[in-house]
Amino acid sequence: MEALINKNVTVLNHPLIKHNLSIIRDKNSDTEKFKNALKRITYALMYEATSSLPTQKITVETPLMETTCEVFDKEAQYIIAPILRAGLIFCEIAQELLPFANVHHIGMYRDEKTLEPVWYYDKRKEIKKDKSKVFVLILDPMLATGNSAVDCIKNFISKGVLEENIIFMSLISSPEGIEKVTSNFKNVKIITSALDEKLNSKGYILPGLGDAGDRIFNTVD
């Protein structure tokens, strides 16, 4: 199901993911095919990304007897942080699987000349005082240069969130992006479904899939 690059970087490796990646990479796939394939991959990514979240034991009554079950820790705060706008495609399924999580929208776009992120939105709920109980899942389909990822992670760390409680979830990653994040943060986890070859001169992942936001929201020129 997975291949570990190092202890904090996981690339999912499953036939269902490979099949759906072929659909979203294909330039001839229309918006409907693209989004449906991406959603199928998102479920797999979310299962992996949430596998280390804390749980607690509770007692419930079945129709036959009392039994002990595990649920997500009710004292913890779970934050879903989609980077606008492409991260929204992950957010729908993340909210479906974690309906009790807070959604923290991160608005930034890439300056096409400098390739640096430009912030325009940071909407969040107040973060708990006990930061050891705060878990953040950052959502962005493309981990390319890694500049936006690093800025977003720094934003949460500046608010007291622990590195080891931050997970960055992407669809496709570049070696440069992985290196950028892991060299800045030794304990942030990265979950992705593909590690591609490299970036081109404009900072796009090769072979990649083009602009994820344009293909998701059907704004390709």
N, C-alpha and C. Protein backbone atom coordinates (compact mmCIF):
# COMPACT_ATOMS: atom_id res chain seq x y z
N MET A 1 0.82 -1.21 0.00
CA MET A 1 0.00 0.00 0.00
C MET A 1 0.85 1.26 0.00
N GLU A 2 2.05 1.19 0.61
CA GLU A 2 2.84 2.39 0.73
C GLU A 2 4.31 2.10 0.56
N ALA A 3 5.06 3.16 0.22
CA ALA A 3 6.51 3.08 0.14
C ALA A 3 7.07 4.25 0.94
N LEU A 4 7.94 3.97 1.89
CA LEU A 4 8.50 5.01 2.72
C LEU A 4 9.79 5.54 2.10
N ILE A 5 9.84 6.87 1.88
CA ILE A 5 11.09 7.50 1.44
C ILE A 5 11.99 7.68 2.65
N ASN A 6 11.42 8.20 3.72
CA ASN A 6 12.04 8.20 5.03
C ASN A 6 10.91 8.08 6.05
N LYS A 7 11.22 8.19 7.32
CA LYS A 7 10.22 7.92 8.34
C LYS A 7 9.04 8.89 8.30
N ASN A 8 9.21 10.05 7.66
CA ASN A 8 8.14 11.05 7.64
C ASN A 8 7.56 11.31 6.25
N VAL A 9 8.01 10.58 5.25
CA VAL A 9 7.51 10.77 3.88
C VAL A 9 6.98 9.44 3.36
N THR A 10 5.69 9.41 3.05
CA THR A 10 5.05 8.19 2.57
C THR A 10 4.46 8.42 1.19
N VAL A 11 4.83 7.57 0.23
CA VAL A 11 4.25 7.58 -1.11
C VAL A 11 3.37 6.34 -1.23
N LEU A 12 2.08 6.54 -1.41
CA LEU A 12 1.17 5.41 -1.52
C LEU A 12 1.41 4.68 -2.83
N ASN A 13 1.35 3.37 -2.76
CA ASN A 13 1.69 2.55 -3.92
C ASN A 13 0.66 1.43 -4.03
N HIS A 14 -0.43 1.71 -4.75
CA HIS A 14 -1.53 0.76 -4.82
C HIS A 14 -2.10 0.78 -6.24
N PRO A 15 -2.53 -0.37 -6.78
CA PRO A 15 -3.06 -0.40 -8.15
C PRO A 15 -4.22 0.57 -8.38
N LEU A 16 -5.11 0.75 -7.39
CA LEU A 16 -6.23 1.68 -7.57
C LEU A 16 -5.73 3.11 -7.73
N ILE A 17 -4.70 3.46 -6.98
CA ILE A 17 -4.13 4.80 -7.10
C ILE A 17 -3.43 4.96 -8.45
N LYS A 18 -2.67 3.97 -8.84
CA LYS A 18 -1.97 4.05 -10.12
C LYS A 18 -2.95 4.20 -11.28
N HIS A 19 -4.04 3.44 -11.21
CA HIS A 19 -5.06 3.51 -12.27
C HIS A 19 -5.65 4.91 -12.37
N ASN A 20 -6.03 5.47 -11.21
CA ASN A 20 -6.66 6.79 -11.22
C ASN A 20 -5.67 7.91 -11.52
N LEU A 21 -4.42 7.71 -11.17
CA LEU A 21 -3.40 8.69 -11.56
C LEU A 21 -3.28 8.78 -13.08
N SER A 22 -3.44 7.64 -13.75
CA SER A 22 -3.35 7.66 -15.22
C SER A 22 -4.47 8.49 -15.82
N ILE A 23 -5.61 8.51 -15.16
CA ILE A 23 -6.75 9.31 -15.63
C ILE A 23 -6.49 10.79 -15.44
N ILE A 24 -6.01 11.18 -14.27
CA ILE A 24 -5.83 12.61 -14.02
C ILE A 24 -4.60 13.18 -14.75
N ARG A 25 -3.64 12.33 -15.09
CA ARG A 25 -2.49 12.83 -15.86
C ARG A 25 -2.86 13.05 -17.33
N ASP A 26 -3.82 12.32 -17.83
CA ASP A 26 -4.19 12.37 -19.25
C ASP A 26 -4.80 13.73 -19.58
N LYS A 27 -4.19 14.46 -20.50
CA LYS A 27 -4.68 15.79 -20.86
C LYS A 27 -6.06 15.75 -21.51
N ASN A 28 -6.47 14.58 -21.98
CA ASN A 28 -7.78 14.43 -22.63
C ASN A 28 -8.91 14.12 -21.66
N SER A 29 -8.57 13.91 -20.38
CA SER A 29 -9.62 13.67 -19.38
C SER A 29 -10.36 14.97 -19.10
N ASP A 30 -11.68 14.94 -19.22
CA ASP A 30 -12.46 16.16 -18.95
C ASP A 30 -12.57 16.38 -17.44
N THR A 31 -13.21 17.49 -17.06
CA THR A 31 -13.29 17.88 -15.66
C THR A 31 -13.98 16.81 -14.82
N GLU A 32 -15.05 16.22 -15.34
CA GLU A 32 -15.78 15.21 -14.59
C GLU A 32 -14.90 13.99 -14.30
N LYS A 33 -14.22 13.48 -15.32
CA LYS A 33 -13.33 12.33 -15.14
C LYS A 33 -12.20 12.68 -14.18
N PHE A 34 -11.64 13.87 -14.34
CA PHE A 34 -10.53 14.31 -13.51
C PHE A 34 -10.94 14.35 -12.04
N LYS A 35 -12.05 15.00 -11.75
CA LYS A 35 -12.49 15.15 -10.36
C LYS A 35 -12.87 13.82 -9.73
N ASN A 36 -13.52 12.94 -10.48
CA ASN A 36 -13.92 11.66 -9.91
C ASN A 36 -12.72 10.78 -9.60
N ALA A 37 -11.72 10.80 -10.49
CA ALA A 37 -10.51 10.03 -10.25
C ALA A 37 -9.74 10.59 -9.05
N LEU A 38 -9.71 11.92 -8.96
CA LEU A 38 -9.00 12.55 -7.85
C LEU A 38 -9.69 12.24 -6.51
N LYS A 39 -11.01 12.22 -6.51
CA LYS A 39 -11.73 11.89 -5.28
C LYS A 39 -11.43 10.46 -4.82
N ARG A 40 -11.34 9.54 -5.77
CA ARG A 40 -11.05 8.16 -5.40
C ARG A 40 -9.66 8.06 -4.75
N ILE A 41 -8.71 8.80 -5.27
CA ILE A 41 -7.37 8.81 -4.68
C ILE A 41 -7.40 9.46 -3.30
N THR A 42 -8.22 10.51 -3.17
CA THR A 42 -8.27 11.25 -1.92
C THR A 42 -8.68 10.37 -0.74
N TYR A 43 -9.61 9.45 -0.96
CA TYR A 43 -10.00 8.54 0.12
C TYR A 43 -8.78 7.75 0.63
N ALA A 44 -7.98 7.24 -0.29
CA ALA A 44 -6.80 6.47 0.10
C ALA A 44 -5.80 7.36 0.85
N LEU A 45 -5.60 8.58 0.36
CA LEU A 45 -4.69 9.50 1.03
C LEU A 45 -5.17 9.83 2.44
N MET A 46 -6.48 10.05 2.57
CA MET A 46 -7.03 10.41 3.87
C MET A 46 -6.92 9.27 4.87
N TYR A 47 -7.13 8.04 4.43
CA TYR A 47 -7.00 6.91 5.34
C TYR A 47 -5.58 6.84 5.90
N GLU A 48 -4.60 7.07 5.03
CA GLU A 48 -3.21 7.04 5.48
C GLU A 48 -2.89 8.25 6.37
N ALA A 49 -3.35 9.43 5.95
CA ALA A 49 -3.03 10.65 6.69
C ALA A 49 -3.62 10.66 8.10
N THR A 50 -4.74 9.98 8.29
CA THR A 50 -5.38 9.97 9.60
C THR A 50 -4.99 8.77 10.46
N SER A 51 -4.13 7.92 9.94
CA SER A 51 -3.82 6.67 10.64
C SER A 51 -3.08 6.87 11.96
N SER A 52 -2.43 8.01 12.12
CA SER A 52 -1.66 8.25 13.35
C SER A 52 -2.36 9.20 14.32
N LEU A 53 -3.59 9.61 14.01
CA LEU A 53 -4.31 10.51 14.90
C LEU A 53 -4.71 9.77 16.18
N PRO A 54 -4.73 10.47 17.30
CA PRO A 54 -4.97 9.80 18.59
C PRO A 54 -6.42 9.36 18.76
N THR A 55 -6.59 8.26 19.47
CA THR A 55 -7.93 7.74 19.77
C THR A 55 -8.07 7.53 21.28
N GLN A 56 -9.30 7.31 21.70
CA GLN A 56 -9.57 6.98 23.09
C GLN A 56 -10.64 5.89 23.13
N LYS A 57 -10.67 5.17 24.22
CA LYS A 57 -11.63 4.07 24.35
C LYS A 57 -12.93 4.58 24.99
N ILE A 58 -14.04 4.09 24.46
CA ILE A 58 -15.34 4.38 25.03
C ILE A 58 -16.13 3.07 25.14
N THR A 59 -17.17 3.11 25.93
CA THR A 59 -18.05 1.95 26.07
C THR A 59 -19.37 2.23 25.37
N VAL A 60 -19.83 1.30 24.55
CA VAL A 60 -21.11 1.44 23.88
C VAL A 60 -21.94 0.18 24.10
N GLU A 61 -23.24 0.34 23.91
CA GLU A 61 -24.16 -0.80 24.01
C GLU A 61 -24.53 -1.25 22.60
N THR A 62 -24.18 -2.48 22.26
CA THR A 62 -24.67 -3.07 21.02
C THR A 62 -26.07 -3.63 21.29
N PRO A 63 -26.80 -4.10 20.29
CA PRO A 63 -28.10 -4.73 20.56
C PRO A 63 -28.00 -5.97 21.46
N LEU A 64 -26.75 -6.49 21.64
CA LEU A 64 -26.60 -7.73 22.40
C LEU A 64 -25.86 -7.57 23.72
N MET A 65 -24.92 -6.62 23.78
CA MET A 65 -24.12 -6.49 25.01
C MET A 65 -23.33 -5.19 25.00
N GLU A 66 -22.68 -4.92 26.09
CA GLU A 66 -21.79 -3.77 26.23
C GLU A 66 -20.42 -4.14 25.70
N THR A 67 -19.76 -3.19 24.99
CA THR A 67 -18.45 -3.47 24.45
C THR A 67 -17.60 -2.20 24.44
N THR A 68 -16.31 -2.38 24.30
CA THR A 68 -15.38 -1.26 24.26
C THR A 68 -14.99 -0.96 22.81
N CYS A 69 -15.06 0.32 22.44
CA CYS A 69 -14.69 0.76 21.08
C CYS A 69 -13.67 1.89 21.18
N GLU A 70 -13.08 2.23 20.05
CA GLU A 70 -12.16 3.37 19.98
C GLU A 70 -12.73 4.45 19.08
N VAL A 71 -12.57 5.69 19.52
CA VAL A 71 -13.00 6.85 18.74
C VAL A 71 -11.85 7.87 18.75
N PHE A 72 -11.92 8.84 17.84
CA PHE A 72 -10.93 9.90 17.87
C PHE A 72 -10.99 10.62 19.22
N ASP A 73 -9.83 11.01 19.72
CA ASP A 73 -9.72 11.67 21.01
C ASP A 73 -10.61 12.92 21.05
N LYS A 74 -11.59 12.92 21.94
CA LYS A 74 -12.54 14.03 22.01
C LYS A 74 -11.95 15.29 22.61
N GLU A 75 -10.80 15.17 23.25
CA GLU A 75 -10.13 16.34 23.83
C GLU A 75 -9.20 17.02 22.82
N ALA A 76 -8.97 16.38 21.69
CA ALA A 76 -8.06 16.94 20.68
C ALA A 76 -8.80 17.89 19.75
N GLN A 77 -8.05 18.77 19.11
CA GLN A 77 -8.59 19.65 18.08
C GLN A 77 -7.99 19.22 16.75
N TYR A 78 -8.85 18.94 15.77
CA TYR A 78 -8.41 18.52 14.45
C TYR A 78 -8.70 19.65 13.46
N ILE A 79 -7.68 20.03 12.73
CA ILE A 79 -7.80 21.15 11.79
C ILE A 79 -7.52 20.67 10.37
N ILE A 80 -8.45 20.91 9.47
CA ILE A 80 -8.27 20.66 8.05
C ILE A 80 -7.91 21.99 7.40
N ALA A 81 -6.78 22.05 6.72
CA ALA A 81 -6.30 23.32 6.17
C ALA A 81 -6.05 23.20 4.66
N PRO A 82 -7.09 23.42 3.83
CA PRO A 82 -6.87 23.39 2.38
C PRO A 82 -6.21 24.69 1.91
N ILE A 83 -5.19 24.55 1.07
CA ILE A 83 -4.58 25.72 0.44
C ILE A 83 -5.40 26.04 -0.80
N LEU A 84 -6.01 27.22 -0.81
CA LEU A 84 -6.87 27.62 -1.91
C LEU A 84 -6.05 27.85 -3.18
N ARG A 85 -6.65 27.50 -4.32
CA ARG A 85 -8.01 26.99 -4.39
C ARG A 85 -8.06 25.48 -4.61
N ALA A 86 -6.95 24.92 -5.12
CA ALA A 86 -6.95 23.51 -5.50
C ALA A 86 -7.16 22.58 -4.31
N GLY A 87 -6.74 23.01 -3.12
CA GLY A 87 -6.90 22.16 -1.94
C GLY A 87 -8.34 21.89 -1.57
N LEU A 88 -9.26 22.68 -2.13
CA LEU A 88 -10.68 22.48 -1.82
C LEU A 88 -11.19 21.12 -2.28
N ILE A 89 -10.61 20.56 -3.33
CA ILE A 89 -11.07 19.26 -3.83
C ILE A 89 -10.81 18.17 -2.79
N PHE A 90 -9.74 18.31 -2.01
CA PHE A 90 -9.47 17.39 -0.91
C PHE A 90 -10.41 17.65 0.27
N CYS A 91 -10.77 18.92 0.46
CA CYS A 91 -11.49 19.34 1.66
C CYS A 91 -12.85 18.66 1.78
N GLU A 92 -13.53 18.49 0.66
CA GLU A 92 -14.86 17.87 0.68
C GLU A 92 -14.83 16.49 1.33
N ILE A 93 -13.86 15.69 0.93
CA ILE A 93 -13.77 14.33 1.46
C ILE A 93 -13.18 14.34 2.87
N ALA A 94 -12.24 15.25 3.14
CA ALA A 94 -11.68 15.38 4.48
C ALA A 94 -12.77 15.70 5.49
N GLN A 95 -13.70 16.60 5.13
CA GLN A 95 -14.82 16.92 6.02
C GLN A 95 -15.79 15.75 6.16
N GLU A 96 -15.94 14.99 5.09
CA GLU A 96 -16.81 13.81 5.16
C GLU A 96 -16.27 12.80 6.16
N LEU A 97 -14.95 12.62 6.18
CA LEU A 97 -14.34 11.62 7.05
C LEU A 97 -14.06 12.16 8.45
N LEU A 98 -13.87 13.49 8.57
CA LEU A 98 -13.61 14.13 9.86
C LEU A 98 -14.62 15.26 10.06
N PRO A 99 -15.90 14.94 10.21
CA PRO A 99 -16.94 15.98 10.27
C PRO A 99 -16.82 16.89 11.48
N PHE A 100 -16.07 16.47 12.50
CA PHE A 100 -15.90 17.26 13.72
C PHE A 100 -14.69 18.19 13.64
N ALA A 101 -13.94 18.14 12.55
CA ALA A 101 -12.73 18.97 12.42
C ALA A 101 -13.07 20.42 12.09
N ASN A 102 -12.18 21.34 12.48
CA ASN A 102 -12.29 22.74 12.08
C ASN A 102 -11.64 22.89 10.71
N VAL A 103 -12.24 23.71 9.84
CA VAL A 103 -11.66 23.99 8.53
C VAL A 103 -11.00 25.36 8.56
N HIS A 104 -9.73 25.38 8.24
CA HIS A 104 -8.92 26.60 8.25
C HIS A 104 -8.46 26.87 6.82
N HIS A 105 -9.12 27.80 6.14
CA HIS A 105 -8.78 28.09 4.75
C HIS A 105 -7.51 28.93 4.65
N ILE A 106 -6.60 28.47 3.81
CA ILE A 106 -5.34 29.17 3.56
C ILE A 106 -5.36 29.69 2.12
N GLY A 107 -5.31 31.01 1.97
CA GLY A 107 -5.31 31.60 0.63
C GLY A 107 -3.95 32.12 0.25
N MET A 108 -3.36 31.52 -0.77
CA MET A 108 -2.08 32.01 -1.31
C MET A 108 -1.98 31.62 -2.77
N TYR A 109 -1.29 32.43 -3.53
CA TYR A 109 -1.02 32.08 -4.92
C TYR A 109 0.47 32.28 -5.19
N ARG A 110 0.93 31.67 -6.26
CA ARG A 110 2.35 31.71 -6.57
C ARG A 110 2.67 32.85 -7.52
N ASP A 111 3.62 33.70 -7.12
CA ASP A 111 4.14 34.73 -8.02
C ASP A 111 4.89 34.02 -9.14
N GLU A 112 4.42 34.18 -10.37
CA GLU A 112 4.98 33.43 -11.49
C GLU A 112 6.42 33.82 -11.82
N LYS A 113 6.87 34.99 -11.34
CA LYS A 113 8.25 35.42 -11.60
C LYS A 113 9.21 34.90 -10.54
N THR A 114 8.82 35.04 -9.28
CA THR A 114 9.71 34.64 -8.19
C THR A 114 9.44 33.22 -7.71
N LEU A 115 8.27 32.67 -8.05
CA LEU A 115 7.80 31.36 -7.58
C LEU A 115 7.57 31.33 -6.08
N GLU A 116 7.51 32.51 -5.45
CA GLU A 116 7.25 32.61 -4.02
C GLU A 116 5.75 32.76 -3.77
N PRO A 117 5.25 32.26 -2.63
CA PRO A 117 3.82 32.39 -2.33
C PRO A 117 3.44 33.81 -1.92
N VAL A 118 2.25 34.22 -2.34
CA VAL A 118 1.69 35.51 -1.94
C VAL A 118 0.41 35.22 -1.15
N TRP A 119 0.36 35.66 0.10
CA TRP A 119 -0.80 35.40 0.95
C TRP A 119 -1.92 36.38 0.67
N TYR A 120 -3.17 35.90 0.72
CA TYR A 120 -4.31 36.80 0.62
C TYR A 120 -5.45 36.41 1.57
N TYR A 121 -5.33 35.27 2.28
CA TYR A 121 -6.43 34.85 3.16
C TYR A 121 -5.91 33.88 4.20
N ASP A 122 -6.38 34.03 5.43
CA ASP A 122 -5.98 33.13 6.52
C ASP A 122 -7.12 33.10 7.52
N LYS A 123 -8.14 32.27 7.25
CA LYS A 123 -9.36 32.21 8.05
C LYS A 123 -9.32 30.99 8.95
N ARG A 124 -9.37 31.23 10.26
CA ARG A 124 -9.23 30.10 11.17
C ARG A 124 -10.07 30.29 12.43
N LYS A 125 -10.31 29.18 13.10
CA LYS A 125 -10.89 29.18 14.43
C LYS A 125 -9.74 29.23 15.44
N GLU A 126 -10.02 29.75 16.62
CA GLU A 126 -8.98 29.84 17.65
C GLU A 126 -8.42 28.45 17.95
N ILE A 127 -7.10 28.38 18.05
CA ILE A 127 -6.43 27.11 18.32
C ILE A 127 -6.38 26.87 19.82
N LYS A 128 -6.57 25.63 20.23
CA LYS A 128 -6.60 25.25 21.64
C LYS A 128 -5.33 25.69 22.37
N LYS A 129 -5.48 25.91 23.67
CA LYS A 129 -4.32 26.30 24.48
C LYS A 129 -3.34 25.15 24.61
N ASP A 130 -3.86 23.93 24.73
CA ASP A 130 -2.99 22.77 24.83
C ASP A 130 -2.58 22.34 23.43
N LYS A 131 -1.44 22.85 22.95
CA LYS A 131 -1.03 22.62 21.57
C LYS A 131 -0.63 21.17 21.30
N SER A 132 -0.34 20.40 22.36
CA SER A 132 -0.02 18.99 22.16
C SER A 132 -1.23 18.21 21.69
N LYS A 133 -2.41 18.82 21.82
CA LYS A 133 -3.66 18.17 21.43
C LYS A 133 -4.22 18.74 20.12
N VAL A 134 -3.41 19.50 19.39
CA VAL A 134 -3.84 20.10 18.12
C VAL A 134 -3.17 19.36 16.97
N PHE A 135 -3.98 18.89 16.00
CA PHE A 135 -3.46 18.13 14.86
C PHE A 135 -3.94 18.80 13.57
N VAL A 136 -3.00 19.09 12.70
CA VAL A 136 -3.29 19.86 11.48
C VAL A 136 -3.01 19.02 10.24
N LEU A 137 -3.98 18.99 9.34
CA LEU A 137 -3.84 18.30 8.06
C LEU A 137 -3.90 19.35 6.95
N ILE A 138 -2.75 19.65 6.35
CA ILE A 138 -2.66 20.64 5.27
C ILE A 138 -2.90 19.93 3.95
N LEU A 139 -3.80 20.50 3.13
CA LEU A 139 -4.21 19.86 1.89
C LEU A 139 -3.82 20.70 0.68
N ASP A 140 -3.04 20.12 -0.22
CA ASP A 140 -2.66 20.80 -1.47
C ASP A 140 -2.30 19.72 -2.49
N PRO A 141 -3.01 19.66 -3.63
CA PRO A 141 -2.74 18.59 -4.59
C PRO A 141 -1.30 18.53 -5.10
N MET A 142 -0.64 19.69 -5.23
CA MET A 142 0.68 19.71 -5.83
C MET A 142 1.72 20.23 -4.83
N LEU A 143 2.70 19.40 -4.51
CA LEU A 143 3.86 19.84 -3.74
C LEU A 143 4.98 20.04 -4.76
N ALA A 144 5.09 21.26 -5.27
CA ALA A 144 6.02 21.55 -6.37
C ALA A 144 7.33 22.14 -5.83
N THR A 145 7.44 23.47 -5.78
CA THR A 145 8.67 24.08 -5.24
C THR A 145 8.76 23.86 -3.73
N GLY A 146 7.62 23.71 -3.09
CA GLY A 146 7.60 23.56 -1.64
C GLY A 146 7.50 24.89 -0.91
N ASN A 147 7.54 26.01 -1.63
CA ASN A 147 7.52 27.32 -0.98
C ASN A 147 6.21 27.58 -0.25
N SER A 148 5.08 27.28 -0.89
CA SER A 148 3.78 27.47 -0.24
C SER A 148 3.63 26.55 0.96
N ALA A 149 4.08 25.31 0.81
CA ALA A 149 4.00 24.35 1.91
C ALA A 149 4.78 24.84 3.12
N VAL A 150 5.99 25.30 2.89
CA VAL A 150 6.84 25.78 3.99
C VAL A 150 6.20 26.99 4.67
N ASP A 151 5.68 27.93 3.89
CA ASP A 151 5.03 29.11 4.46
C ASP A 151 3.81 28.72 5.30
N CYS A 152 3.03 27.78 4.79
CA CYS A 152 1.82 27.34 5.50
C CYS A 152 2.19 26.64 6.80
N ILE A 153 3.18 25.77 6.76
CA ILE A 153 3.62 25.06 7.96
C ILE A 153 4.15 26.05 8.99
N LYS A 154 4.96 27.02 8.54
CA LYS A 154 5.49 28.04 9.46
C LYS A 154 4.34 28.82 10.12
N ASN A 155 3.29 29.06 9.37
CA ASN A 155 2.13 29.78 9.89
C ASN A 155 1.52 29.05 11.09
N PHE A 156 1.40 27.73 10.98
CA PHE A 156 0.82 26.97 12.08
C PHE A 156 1.81 26.84 13.25
N ILE A 157 3.08 26.66 12.93
CA ILE A 157 4.08 26.55 14.00
C ILE A 157 4.15 27.86 14.79
N SER A 158 4.00 29.00 14.10
CA SER A 158 4.04 30.30 14.78
C SER A 158 2.88 30.45 15.76
N LYS A 159 1.83 29.66 15.56
CA LYS A 159 0.67 29.69 16.45
C LYS A 159 0.78 28.63 17.55
N GLY A 160 1.93 27.93 17.59
CA GLY A 160 2.18 26.98 18.66
C GLY A 160 1.94 25.53 18.33
N VAL A 161 1.49 25.23 17.09
CA VAL A 161 1.25 23.84 16.71
C VAL A 161 2.60 23.11 16.61
N LEU A 162 2.65 21.90 17.12
CA LEU A 162 3.89 21.12 17.11
C LEU A 162 4.15 20.53 15.72
N GLU A 163 5.42 20.53 15.31
CA GLU A 163 5.79 19.96 14.01
C GLU A 163 5.26 18.56 13.84
N GLU A 164 5.42 17.74 14.86
CA GLU A 164 5.05 16.34 14.75
C GLU A 164 3.54 16.13 14.65
N ASN A 165 2.77 17.19 14.87
CA ASN A 165 1.31 17.11 14.75
C ASN A 165 0.80 17.69 13.43
N ILE A 166 1.72 17.96 12.50
CA ILE A 166 1.34 18.52 11.20
C ILE A 166 1.56 17.48 10.12
N ILE A 167 0.56 17.29 9.28
CA ILE A 167 0.64 16.36 8.14
C ILE A 167 0.35 17.15 6.88
N PHE A 168 1.22 17.03 5.88
CA PHE A 168 1.00 17.67 4.59
C PHE A 168 0.58 16.58 3.60
N MET A 169 -0.61 16.74 3.02
CA MET A 169 -1.14 15.73 2.11
C MET A 169 -1.21 16.28 0.70
N SER A 170 -0.58 15.59 -0.24
CA SER A 170 -0.56 16.03 -1.64
C SER A 170 -0.90 14.88 -2.57
N LEU A 171 -1.30 15.24 -3.76
CA LEU A 171 -1.57 14.25 -4.79
C LEU A 171 -0.27 13.84 -5.47
N ILE A 172 0.46 14.85 -5.95
CA ILE A 172 1.74 14.62 -6.63
C ILE A 172 2.79 15.53 -6.02
N SER A 173 3.99 14.98 -5.82
CA SER A 173 5.08 15.75 -5.23
C SER A 173 6.31 15.70 -6.15
N SER A 174 7.13 16.72 -6.05
CA SER A 174 8.42 16.73 -6.76
C SER A 174 9.53 16.45 -5.74
N PRO A 175 10.67 15.95 -6.20
CA PRO A 175 11.80 15.76 -5.27
C PRO A 175 12.23 17.08 -4.63
N GLU A 176 12.14 18.16 -5.41
CA GLU A 176 12.53 19.48 -4.89
C GLU A 176 11.60 19.92 -3.76
N GLY A 177 10.30 19.67 -3.95
CA GLY A 177 9.34 20.04 -2.92
C GLY A 177 9.52 19.23 -1.65
N ILE A 178 9.74 17.93 -1.80
CA ILE A 178 9.99 17.06 -0.65
C ILE A 178 11.22 17.54 0.11
N GLU A 179 12.28 17.84 -0.63
CA GLU A 179 13.52 18.30 -0.01
C GLU A 179 13.33 19.62 0.71
N LYS A 180 12.56 20.53 0.11
CA LYS A 180 12.32 21.84 0.71
C LYS A 180 11.63 21.69 2.06
N VAL A 181 10.58 20.86 2.10
CA VAL A 181 9.83 20.69 3.34
C VAL A 181 10.64 19.94 4.39
N THR A 182 11.25 18.83 4.00
CA THR A 182 11.95 18.00 4.99
C THR A 182 13.22 18.67 5.51
N SER A 183 13.85 19.53 4.72
CA SER A 183 15.05 20.22 5.19
C SER A 183 14.71 21.33 6.18
N ASN A 184 13.48 21.86 6.08
CA ASN A 184 13.04 22.90 7.01
C ASN A 184 12.37 22.34 8.25
N PHE A 185 11.72 21.18 8.10
CA PHE A 185 10.95 20.61 9.21
C PHE A 185 11.26 19.11 9.31
N LYS A 186 11.93 18.73 10.36
CA LYS A 186 12.36 17.34 10.50
C LYS A 186 11.24 16.40 10.92
N ASN A 187 10.15 16.96 11.47
CA ASN A 187 9.12 16.11 12.05
C ASN A 187 7.76 16.21 11.38
N VAL A 188 7.62 17.06 10.36
CA VAL A 188 6.36 17.15 9.63
C VAL A 188 6.21 15.94 8.72
N LYS A 189 5.03 15.33 8.72
CA LYS A 189 4.79 14.16 7.89
C LYS A 189 4.25 14.58 6.52
N ILE A 190 4.69 13.89 5.47
CA ILE A 190 4.19 14.13 4.11
C ILE A 190 3.56 12.84 3.60
N ILE A 191 2.32 12.94 3.13
CA ILE A 191 1.62 11.81 2.52
C ILE A 191 1.31 12.20 1.08
N THR A 192 1.72 11.40 0.10
CA THR A 192 1.49 11.72 -1.30
C THR A 192 1.21 10.44 -2.07
N SER A 193 0.62 10.58 -3.27
CA SER A 193 0.33 9.39 -4.06
C SER A 193 1.31 9.21 -5.22
N ALA A 194 2.20 10.18 -5.44
CA ALA A 194 3.19 10.05 -6.51
C ALA A 194 4.36 10.97 -6.27
N LEU A 195 5.56 10.47 -6.48
CA LEU A 195 6.77 11.28 -6.48
C LEU A 195 7.27 11.35 -7.91
N ASP A 196 7.13 12.53 -8.53
CA ASP A 196 7.48 12.68 -9.94
C ASP A 196 8.97 12.99 -10.14
N GLU A 197 9.34 13.27 -11.40
CA GLU A 197 10.76 13.35 -11.75
C GLU A 197 11.44 14.63 -11.29
N LYS A 198 10.83 15.80 -11.61
CA LYS A 198 11.51 17.07 -11.34
C LYS A 198 10.57 18.23 -11.63
N LEU A 199 11.07 19.45 -11.42
CA LEU A 199 10.36 20.67 -11.79
C LEU A 199 10.94 21.21 -13.10
N ASN A 200 10.08 21.88 -13.89
CA ASN A 200 10.61 22.58 -15.06
C ASN A 200 11.02 24.00 -14.66
N SER A 201 11.43 24.81 -15.61
CA SER A 201 11.94 26.15 -15.31
C SER A 201 10.87 27.08 -14.75
N LYS A 202 9.59 26.73 -14.96
CA LYS A 202 8.49 27.55 -14.44
C LYS A 202 7.93 27.02 -13.11
N GLY A 203 8.59 26.01 -12.57
CA GLY A 203 8.17 25.48 -11.28
C GLY A 203 7.03 24.50 -11.34
N TYR A 204 6.74 23.95 -12.53
CA TYR A 204 5.69 22.94 -12.66
C TYR A 204 6.31 21.54 -12.57
N ILE A 205 5.55 20.63 -11.98
CA ILE A 205 6.04 19.26 -11.80
C ILE A 205 5.98 18.51 -13.12
N LEU A 206 7.05 17.77 -13.42
CA LEU A 206 7.12 16.91 -14.60
C LEU A 206 7.20 15.45 -14.18
N PRO A 207 6.41 14.54 -14.78
CA PRO A 207 5.43 14.79 -15.84
C PRO A 207 4.17 15.49 -15.37
N GLY A 208 3.83 15.36 -14.08
CA GLY A 208 2.74 16.12 -13.50
C GLY A 208 1.39 15.91 -14.15
N LEU A 209 0.55 16.97 -14.07
CA LEU A 209 -0.78 16.90 -14.67
C LEU A 209 -1.26 18.28 -15.11
N GLY A 210 -0.33 19.22 -15.18
CA GLY A 210 -0.71 20.59 -15.52
C GLY A 210 -1.09 21.36 -14.28
N ASP A 211 -1.93 22.39 -14.44
CA ASP A 211 -2.38 23.19 -13.31
C ASP A 211 -3.58 22.50 -12.66
N ALA A 212 -3.40 22.02 -11.43
CA ALA A 212 -4.47 21.25 -10.76
C ALA A 212 -5.73 22.09 -10.57
N GLY A 213 -5.57 23.34 -10.16
CA GLY A 213 -6.73 24.19 -9.94
C GLY A 213 -7.53 24.42 -11.20
N ASP A 214 -6.85 24.69 -12.30
CA ASP A 214 -7.54 24.91 -13.57
C ASP A 214 -8.30 23.66 -14.00
N ARG A 215 -7.70 22.51 -13.81
CA ARG A 215 -8.36 21.28 -14.26
C ARG A 215 -9.50 20.88 -13.34
N ILE A 216 -9.38 21.17 -12.05
CA ILE A 216 -10.45 20.87 -11.12
C ILE A 216 -11.66 21.75 -11.36
N PHE A 217 -11.41 23.04 -11.58
CA PHE A 217 -12.50 24.02 -11.67
C PHE A 217 -12.82 24.43 -13.10
N ASN A 218 -12.26 23.69 -14.07
CA ASN A 218 -12.57 23.88 -15.49
C ASN A 218 -12.32 25.32 -15.95
N THR A 219 -11.12 25.82 -15.60
CA THR A 219 -10.73 27.16 -16.04
C THR A 219 -9.49 27.13 -16.93
N VAL A 220 -9.28 25.99 -17.58
CA VAL A 220 -8.15 25.87 -18.51
C VAL A 220 -8.43 26.71 -19.73
N ASP A 221 -7.45 27.55 -20.12
CA ASP A 221 -7.63 28.39 -21.31
C ASP A 221 -7.60 27.55 -22.58
